[in-house]
PDB file of N, CA and C in Angstrom:
ATOM      1  N   MET A   1       5.450  -7.083   5.002  1.00  0.00           N
ATOM      2  CA  MET A   1       5.318  -8.420   5.604  1.00  0.00           C
ATOM      3  C   MET A   1       4.653  -8.194   7.045  1.00  0.00           C
ATOM      4  N   THR A   2       3.558  -8.196   7.341  1.00  0.00           N
ATOM      5  CA  THR A   2       3.025  -8.086   8.701  1.00  0.00           C
ATOM      6  C   THR A   2       2.258  -9.251   8.956  1.00  0.00           C
ATOM      7  N   PRO A   3       1.989  -9.619  10.177  1.00  0.00           N
ATOM      8  CA  PRO A   3       1.027 -10.851  10.572  1.00  0.00           C
ATOM      9  C   PRO A   3      -0.231 -10.525   9.903  1.00  0.00           C
ATOM     10  N   ASP A   4      -0.834  -9.236   9.565  1.00  0.00           N
ATOM     11  CA  ASP A   4      -1.944  -9.189   8.966  1.00  0.00           C
ATOM     12  C   ASP A   4      -2.140  -9.271   7.561  1.00  0.00           C
ATOM     13  N   SER A   5      -1.003  -8.963   6.845  1.00  0.00           N
ATOM     14  CA  SER A   5      -0.876  -9.077   5.441  1.00  0.00           C
ATOM     15  C   SER A   5      -0.478 -10.376   4.905  1.00  0.00           C
ATOM     16  N   SER A   6       0.112 -11.190   5.865  1.00  0.00           N
ATOM     17  CA  SER A   6       0.862 -12.472   5.419  1.00  0.00           C
ATOM     18  C   SER A   6       0.239 -13.596   6.031  1.00  0.00           C
ATOM     19  N   ARG A   7      -0.468 -13.525   7.101  1.00  0.00           N
ATOM     20  CA  ARG A   7      -1.133 -14.587   7.668  1.00  0.00           C
ATOM     21  C   ARG A   7      -0.354 -15.811   8.107  1.00  0.00           C
ATOM     22  N   PHE A   8       0.620 -15.524   9.130  1.00  0.00           N
ATOM     23  CA  PHE A   8       1.492 -16.460   9.689  1.00  0.00           C
ATOM     24  C   PHE A   8       0.874 -17.351  10.734  1.00  0.00           C
ATOM     25  N   TRP A   9       1.267 -18.608  10.600  1.00  0.00           N
ATOM     26  CA  TRP A   9       0.720 -19.557  11.478  1.00  0.00           C
ATOM     27  C   TRP A   9       1.744 -20.581  11.985  1.00  0.00           C
ATOM     28  N   PRO A  10       1.803 -21.003  13.207  1.00  0.00           N
ATOM     29  CA  PRO A  10       2.770 -22.035  13.679  1.00  0.00           C
ATOM     30  C   PRO A  10       2.620 -23.214  12.940  1.00  0.00           C
ATOM     31  N   ALA A  11       3.649 -23.565  12.145  1.00  0.00           N
ATOM     32  CA  ALA A  11       3.604 -24.905  11.421  1.00  0.00           C
ATOM     33  C   ALA A  11       3.374 -26.145  12.178  1.00  0.00           C
ATOM     34  N   ASP A  12       3.905 -26.188  13.365  1.00  0.00           N
ATOM     35  CA  ASP A  12       3.822 -27.222  14.155  1.00  0.00           C
ATOM     36  C   ASP A  12       2.438 -27.460  14.909  1.00  0.00           C
ATOM     37  N   GLU A  13       1.637 -26.494  14.759  1.00  0.00           N
ATOM     38  CA  GLU A  13       0.240 -26.588  15.362  1.00  0.00           C
ATOM     39  C   GLU A  13      -0.770 -26.578  14.395  1.00  0.00           C
ATOM     40  N   TRP A  14      -0.608 -26.941  13.097  1.00  0.00           N
ATOM     41  CA  TRP A  14      -1.361 -26.927  12.061  1.00  0.00           C
ATOM     42  C   TRP A  14      -1.635 -28.422  11.666  1.00  0.00           C
ATOM     43  N   THR A  15      -3.040 -28.735  11.357  1.00  0.00           N
ATOM     44  CA  THR A  15      -3.377 -29.983  10.933  1.00  0.00           C
ATOM     45  C   THR A  15      -4.415 -29.793   9.790  1.00  0.00           C
ATOM     46  N   PRO A  16      -4.339 -30.684   8.751  1.00  0.00           N
ATOM     47  CA  PRO A  16      -5.306 -30.503   7.734  1.00  0.00           C
ATOM     48  C   PRO A  16      -6.772 -30.322   8.157  1.00  0.00           C
ATOM     49  N   GLY A  17      -7.479 -29.346   7.676  1.00  0.00           N
ATOM     50  CA  GLY A  17      -8.852 -29.126   7.909  1.00  0.00           C
ATOM     51  C   GLY A  17      -9.172 -28.404   9.271  1.00  0.00           C
ATOM     52  N   SER A  18      -8.032 -27.913   9.927  1.00  0.00           N
ATOM     53  CA  SER A  18      -8.128 -27.170  11.131  1.00  0.00           C
ATOM     54  C   SER A  18      -7.785 -25.740  10.888  1.00  0.00           C
ATOM     55  N   THR A  19      -8.237 -24.965  11.845  1.00  0.00           N
ATOM     56  CA  THR A  19      -7.773 -23.413  11.749  1.00  0.00           C
ATOM     57  C   THR A  19      -6.808 -23.177  12.928  1.00  0.00           C
ATOM     58  N   PRO A  20      -5.593 -22.977  12.394  1.00  0.00           N
ATOM     59  CA  PRO A  20      -4.497 -22.882  13.296  1.00  0.00           C
ATOM     60  C   PRO A  20      -4.453 -21.694  14.106  1.00  0.00           C
ATOM     61  N   PRO A  21      -3.898 -21.502  15.115  1.00  0.00           N
ATOM     62  CA  PRO A  21      -3.793 -20.223  15.869  1.00  0.00           C
ATOM     63  C   PRO A  21      -3.159 -19.203  14.990  1.00  0.00           C
ATOM     64  N   SER A  22      -3.411 -17.964  14.955  1.00  0.00           N
ATOM     65  CA  SER A  22      -2.733 -16.861  13.936  1.00  0.00           C
ATOM     66  C   SER A  22      -2.182 -15.959  14.835  1.00  0.00           C
ATOM     67  N   PHE A  23      -1.454 -15.128  14.282  1.00  0.00           N
ATOM     68  CA  PHE A  23      -0.702 -13.954  14.840  1.00  0.00           C
ATOM     69  C   PHE A  23      -1.273 -12.490  14.361  1.00  0.00           C
ATOM     70  N   ASP A  24      -2.541 -12.371  14.010  1.00  0.00           N
ATOM     71  CA  ASP A  24      -3.012 -11.364  13.560  1.00  0.00           C
ATOM     72  C   ASP A  24      -4.145 -10.622  14.728  1.00  0.00           C
ATOM     73  N   LYS A  25      -4.600  -9.578  14.071  1.00  0.00           N
ATOM     74  CA  LYS A  25      -5.547  -8.817  15.068  1.00  0.00           C
ATOM     75  C   LYS A  25      -7.010  -9.269  15.007  1.00  0.00           C
ATOM     76  N   GLN A  26      -7.242 -10.457  14.972  1.00  0.00           N
ATOM     77  CA  GLN A  26      -8.457 -11.191  14.920  1.00  0.00           C
ATOM     78  C   GLN A  26      -9.169 -10.923  16.185  1.00  0.00           C
ATOM     79  N   PRO A  27      -8.705 -10.805  17.424  1.00  0.00           N
ATOM     80  CA  PRO A  27      -9.421 -10.444  18.534  1.00  0.00           C
ATOM     81  C   PRO A  27     -10.110  -9.030  18.480  1.00  0.00           C
ATOM     82  N   LEU A  28      -9.294  -8.088  17.761  1.00  0.00           N
ATOM     83  CA  LEU A  28      -9.902  -6.837  17.566  1.00  0.00           C
ATOM     84  C   LEU A  28     -11.088  -6.880  16.550  1.00  0.00           C
ATOM     85  N   ARG A  29     -10.851  -7.565  15.311  1.00  0.00           N
ATOM     86  CA  ARG A  29     -11.958  -7.637  14.445  1.00  0.00           C
ATOM     87  C   ARG A  29     -13.137  -8.374  15.153  1.00  0.00           C
ATOM     88  N   ASP A  30     -12.918  -9.404  15.930  1.00  0.00           N
ATOM     89  CA  ASP A  30     -14.035 -10.182  16.435  1.00  0.00           C
ATOM     90  C   ASP A  30     -14.721  -9.166  17.399  1.00  0.00           C
ATOM     91  N   HIS A  31     -14.182  -8.532  18.092  1.00  0.00           N
ATOM     92  CA  HIS A  31     -14.705  -7.506  19.126  1.00  0.00           C
ATOM     93  C   HIS A  31     -15.554  -6.418  18.351  1.00  0.00           C
ATOM     94  N   LEU A  32     -15.069  -5.904  17.209  1.00  0.00           N
ATOM     95  CA  LEU A  32     -15.705  -4.847  16.554  1.00  0.00           C
ATOM     96  C   LEU A  32     -16.965  -5.316  15.894  1.00  0.00           C
ATOM     97  N   GLU A  33     -16.970  -6.499  15.508  1.00  0.00           N
ATOM     98  CA  GLU A  33     -18.140  -7.144  14.805  1.00  0.00           C
ATOM     99  C   GLU A  33     -19.412  -7.312  15.804  1.00  0.00           C
ATOM    100  N   THR A  34     -18.925  -7.185  17.120  1.00  0.00           N
ATOM    101  CA  THR A  34     -20.141  -7.332  18.099  1.00  0.00           C
ATOM    102  C   THR A  34     -20.870  -6.093  18.450  1.00  0.00           C
ATOM    103  N   LEU A  35     -20.330  -5.051  18.057  1.00  0.00           N
ATOM    104  CA  LEU A  35     -20.591  -3.721  18.250  1.00  0.00           C
ATOM    105  C   LEU A  35     -21.661  -3.149  17.099  1.00  0.00           C
ATOM    106  N   ASP A  36     -22.513  -2.248  17.580  1.00  0.00           N
ATOM    107  CA  ASP A  36     -23.234  -1.546  16.678  1.00  0.00           C
ATOM    108  C   ASP A  36     -22.580  -0.222  16.248  1.00  0.00           C
ATOM    109  N   TRP A  37     -21.354  -0.436  15.386  1.00  0.00           N
ATOM    110  CA  TRP A  37     -20.619   0.630  14.872  1.00  0.00           C
ATOM    111  C   TRP A  37     -20.734   0.722  13.334  1.00  0.00           C
ATOM    112  N   ASP A  38     -20.873   1.863  12.883  1.00  0.00           N
ATOM    113  CA  ASP A  38     -20.884   1.796  11.279  1.00  0.00           C
ATOM    114  C   ASP A  38     -19.490   2.024  10.601  1.00  0.00           C
ATOM    115  N   LYS A  39     -18.576   1.960  11.479  1.00  0.00           N
ATOM    116  CA  LYS A  39     -17.135   1.903  10.987  1.00  0.00           C
ATOM    117  C   LYS A  39     -16.713   3.417  10.369  1.00  0.00           C
ATOM    118  N   THR A  40     -17.406   4.405  10.894  1.00  0.00           N
ATOM    119  CA  THR A  40     -16.950   5.736  10.719  1.00  0.00           C
ATOM    120  C   THR A  40     -16.388   6.278  11.996  1.00  0.00           C
ATOM    121  N   PRO A  41     -15.513   7.419  11.978  1.00  0.00           N
ATOM    122  CA  PRO A  41     -14.848   7.963  13.099  1.00  0.00           C
ATOM    123  C   PRO A  41     -15.897   8.685  13.835  1.00  0.00           C
ATOM    124  N   PRO A  42     -15.630   8.731  15.126  1.00  0.00           N
ATOM    125  CA  PRO A  42     -14.637   8.123  15.857  1.00  0.00           C
ATOM    126  C   PRO A  42     -14.698   6.600  16.262  1.00  0.00           C
ATOM    127  N   PRO A  43     -13.719   5.864  16.320  1.00  0.00           N
ATOM    128  CA  PRO A  43     -13.885   4.577  16.633  1.00  0.00           C
ATOM    129  C   PRO A  43     -14.251   4.398  18.118  1.00  0.00           C
ATOM    130  N   PRO A  44     -14.737   3.227  18.415  1.00  0.00           N
ATOM    131  CA  PRO A  44     -15.118   2.890  19.797  1.00  0.00           C
ATOM    132  C   PRO A  44     -13.884   2.663  20.639  1.00  0.00           C
ATOM    133  N   VAL A  45     -14.051   2.946  21.952  1.00  0.00           N
ATOM    134  CA  VAL A  45     -13.036   2.651  22.903  1.00  0.00           C
ATOM    135  C   VAL A  45     -12.838   1.061  23.018  1.00  0.00           C
ATOM    136  N   LEU A  46     -11.705   0.605  22.968  1.00  0.00           N
ATOM    137  CA  LEU A  46     -11.397  -0.787  23.234  1.00  0.00           C
ATOM    138  C   LEU A  46     -11.296  -1.259  24.344  1.00  0.00           C
ATOM    139  N   PRO A  47     -11.787  -2.332  24.813  1.00  0.00           N
ATOM    140  CA  PRO A  47     -11.476  -2.820  26.313  1.00  0.00           C
ATOM    141  C   PRO A  47     -10.054  -3.323  26.403  1.00  0.00           C
ATOM    142  N   ALA A  48      -9.571  -3.260  27.567  1.00  0.00           N
ATOM    143  CA  ALA A  48      -8.204  -3.758  27.821  1.00  0.00           C
ATOM    144  C   ALA A  48      -7.841  -5.031  27.367  1.00  0.00           C
ATOM    145  N   GLU A  49      -8.710  -6.105  27.637  1.00  0.00           N
ATOM    146  CA  GLU A  49      -8.549  -7.331  27.185  1.00  0.00           C
ATOM    147  C   GLU A  49      -8.446  -7.510  25.718  1.00  0.00           C
ATOM    148  N   VAL A  50      -9.113  -6.757  24.927  1.00  0.00           N
ATOM    149  CA  VAL A  50      -8.915  -6.743  23.380  1.00  0.00           C
ATOM    150  C   VAL A  50      -7.613  -6.315  22.979  1.00  0.00           C
ATOM    151  N   ILE A  51      -7.157  -5.138  23.557  1.00  0.00           N
ATOM    152  CA  ILE A  51      -5.823  -4.597  23.355  1.00  0.00           C
ATOM    153  C   ILE A  51      -4.647  -5.651  23.659  1.00  0.00           C
ATOM    154  N   ASP A  52      -4.865  -6.300  24.897  1.00  0.00           N
ATOM    155  CA  ASP A  52      -3.926  -7.022  25.337  1.00  0.00           C
ATOM    156  C   ASP A  52      -3.783  -8.381  24.471  1.00  0.00           C
ATOM    157  N   ALA A  53      -4.984  -8.737  23.993  1.00  0.00           N
ATOM    158  CA  ALA A  53      -4.878 -10.040  23.254  1.00  0.00           C
ATOM    159  C   ALA A  53      -4.164  -9.789  21.831  1.00  0.00           C
ATOM    160  N   SER A  54      -4.505  -8.738  21.284  1.00  0.00           N
ATOM    161  CA  SER A  54      -3.932  -8.266  20.035  1.00  0.00           C
ATOM    162  C   SER A  54      -2.516  -8.000  20.068  1.00  0.00           C
ATOM    163  N   ARG A  55      -2.039  -7.406  21.086  1.00  0.00           N
ATOM    164  CA  ARG A  55      -0.552  -7.124  21.449  1.00  0.00           C
ATOM    165  C   ARG A  55       0.064  -8.427  21.591  1.00  0.00           C
ATOM    166  N   GLU A  56      -0.416  -9.144  22.385  1.00  0.00           N
ATOM    167  CA  GLU A  56       0.160 -10.606  22.682  1.00  0.00           C
ATOM    168  C   GLU A  56       0.423 -11.412  21.340  1.00  0.00           C
ATOM    169  N   ARG A  57      -0.486 -11.421  20.446  1.00  0.00           N
ATOM    170  CA  ARG A  57      -0.193 -11.953  19.065  1.00  0.00           C
ATOM    171  C   ARG A  57       0.945 -11.329  18.387  1.00  0.00           C
ATOM    172  N   TYR A  58       0.959 -10.123  18.309  1.00  0.00           N
ATOM    173  CA  TYR A  58       2.088  -9.330  17.525  1.00  0.00           C
ATOM    174  C   TYR A  58       3.334  -9.674  18.341  1.00  0.00           C
ATOM    175  N   VAL A  59       3.429  -9.645  19.517  1.00  0.00           N
ATOM    176  CA  VAL A  59       4.663  -9.945  20.382  1.00  0.00           C
ATOM    177  C   VAL A  59       5.009 -11.372  20.088  1.00  0.00           C
ATOM    178  N   THR A  60       4.171 -12.247  20.070  1.00  0.00           N
ATOM    179  CA  THR A  60       4.379 -13.626  19.856  1.00  0.00           C
ATOM    180  C   THR A  60       5.112 -13.930  18.332  1.00  0.00           C
ATOM    181  N   ALA A  61       4.532 -13.277  17.462  1.00  0.00           N
ATOM    182  CA  ALA A  61       4.851 -13.228  15.985  1.00  0.00           C
ATOM    183  C   ALA A  61       6.257 -12.677  15.882  1.00  0.00           C
ATOM    184  N   TYR A  62       6.694 -11.630  16.538  1.00  0.00           N
ATOM    185  CA  TYR A  62       7.885 -10.884  16.407  1.00  0.00           C
ATOM    186  C   TYR A  62       8.919 -11.904  16.975  1.00  0.00           C
ATOM    187  N   GLU A  63       8.677 -12.498  18.262  1.00  0.00           N
ATOM    188  CA  GLU A  63       9.602 -13.248  18.763  1.00  0.00           C
ATOM    189  C   GLU A  63       9.885 -14.665  18.116  1.00  0.00           C
ATOM    190  N   ARG A  64       8.789 -15.280  17.443  1.00  0.00           N
ATOM    191  CA  ARG A  64       8.900 -16.503  16.809  1.00  0.00           C
ATOM    192  C   ARG A  64       9.664 -16.338  15.342  1.00  0.00           C
ATOM    193  N   ILE A  65       9.353 -15.048  14.748  1.00  0.00           N
ATOM    194  CA  ILE A  65      10.040 -14.746  13.397  1.00  0.00           C
ATOM    195  C   ILE A  65      11.508 -14.434  13.742  1.00  0.00           C
ATOM    196  N   THR A  66      11.769 -13.710  14.672  1.00  0.00           N
ATOM    197  CA  THR A  66      13.203 -13.094  14.904  1.00  0.00           C
ATOM    198  C   THR A  66      13.988 -13.838  15.714  1.00  0.00           C
ATOM    199  N   SER A  67      13.373 -14.747  16.609  1.00  0.00           N
ATOM    200  CA  SER A  67      14.144 -15.331  17.606  1.00  0.00           C
ATOM    201  C   SER A  67      14.855 -14.512  18.703  1.00  0.00           C
ATOM    202  N   LEU A  68      14.152 -13.124  18.798  1.00  0.00           N
ATOM    203  CA  LEU A  68      14.566 -12.175  19.678  1.00  0.00           C
ATOM    204  C   LEU A  68      13.401 -12.037  20.723  1.00  0.00           C
ATOM    205  N   ARG A  69      13.815 -11.550  21.764  1.00  0.00           N
ATOM    206  CA  ARG A  69      12.638 -11.084  22.906  1.00  0.00           C
ATOM    207  C   ARG A  69      12.207  -9.796  22.536  1.00  0.00           C
ATOM    208  N   PHE A  70      10.978  -9.607  22.454  1.00  0.00           N
ATOM    209  CA  PHE A  70      10.252  -8.370  22.132  1.00  0.00           C
ATOM    210  C   PHE A  70      10.658  -7.231  23.317  1.00  0.00           C
ATOM    211  N   ALA A  71      10.833  -7.739  24.488  1.00  0.00           N
ATOM    212  CA  ALA A  71      11.138  -6.683  25.599  1.00  0.00           C
ATOM    213  C   ALA A  71      12.519  -6.260  25.407  1.00  0.00           C
ATOM    214  N   ASP A  72      13.439  -6.825  24.613  1.00  0.00           N
ATOM    215  CA  ASP A  72      14.781  -6.401  24.509  1.00  0.00           C
ATOM    216  C   ASP A  72      14.810  -5.340  23.256  1.00  0.00           C
ATOM    217  N   TRP A  73      13.781  -5.095  22.498  1.00  0.00           N
ATOM    218  CA  TRP A  73      13.864  -4.326  21.489  1.00  0.00           C
ATOM    219  C   TRP A  73      14.018  -2.925  21.811  1.00  0.00           C
ATOM    220  N   PRO A  74      14.838  -2.038  21.363  1.00  0.00           N
ATOM    221  CA  PRO A  74      15.052  -0.647  21.784  1.00  0.00           C
ATOM    222  C   PRO A  74      13.663  -0.033  21.526  1.00  0.00           C
ATOM    223  N   GLY A  75      13.371   0.885  22.724  1.00  0.00           N
ATOM    224  CA  GLY A  75      12.083   1.357  22.558  1.00  0.00           C
ATOM    225  C   GLY A  75      11.102   0.806  23.320  1.00  0.00           C
ATOM    226  N   VAL A  76      11.110  -0.297  23.694  1.00  0.00           N
ATOM    227  CA  VAL A  76      10.080  -1.050  24.535  1.00  0.00           C
ATOM    228  C   VAL A  76      10.479  -0.742  26.022  1.00  0.00           C
ATOM    229  N   SER A  77       9.473  -0.270  26.696  1.00  0.00           N
ATOM    230  CA  SER A  77       9.774   0.099  28.071  1.00  0.00           C
ATOM    231  C   SER A  77       8.384  -0.541  28.816  1.00  0.00           C
ATOM    232  N   GLY A  78       8.691  -1.163  29.802  1.00  0.00           N
ATOM    233  CA  GLY A  78       7.770  -1.848  30.644  1.00  0.00           C
ATOM    234  C   GLY A  78       6.888  -2.872  30.152  1.00  0.00           C
ATOM    235  N   ALA A  79       7.611  -3.450  29.070  1.00  0.00           N
ATOM    236  CA  ALA A  79       6.906  -4.643  28.306  1.00  0.00           C
ATOM    237  C   ALA A  79       7.119  -5.949  29.034  1.00  0.00           C
TER     238      ALA A  79
END
């Protein structure tokens, strides 16, 4: 059960007919679709803003689902 396999959305931000904000790696998918890359290794280098946007979604999902701060998770340094 990850944000990519389960498609979590904030219920309080959903309205019928709308696309709610999601907690998946859509910024990464969107970026890759703009490139002329045939999806074979090696992958392209990702811009920092794509990495940051994807990371922020996963951190937000973790914090909303667990009610814990990601920065307090053992193993997180400098987050």
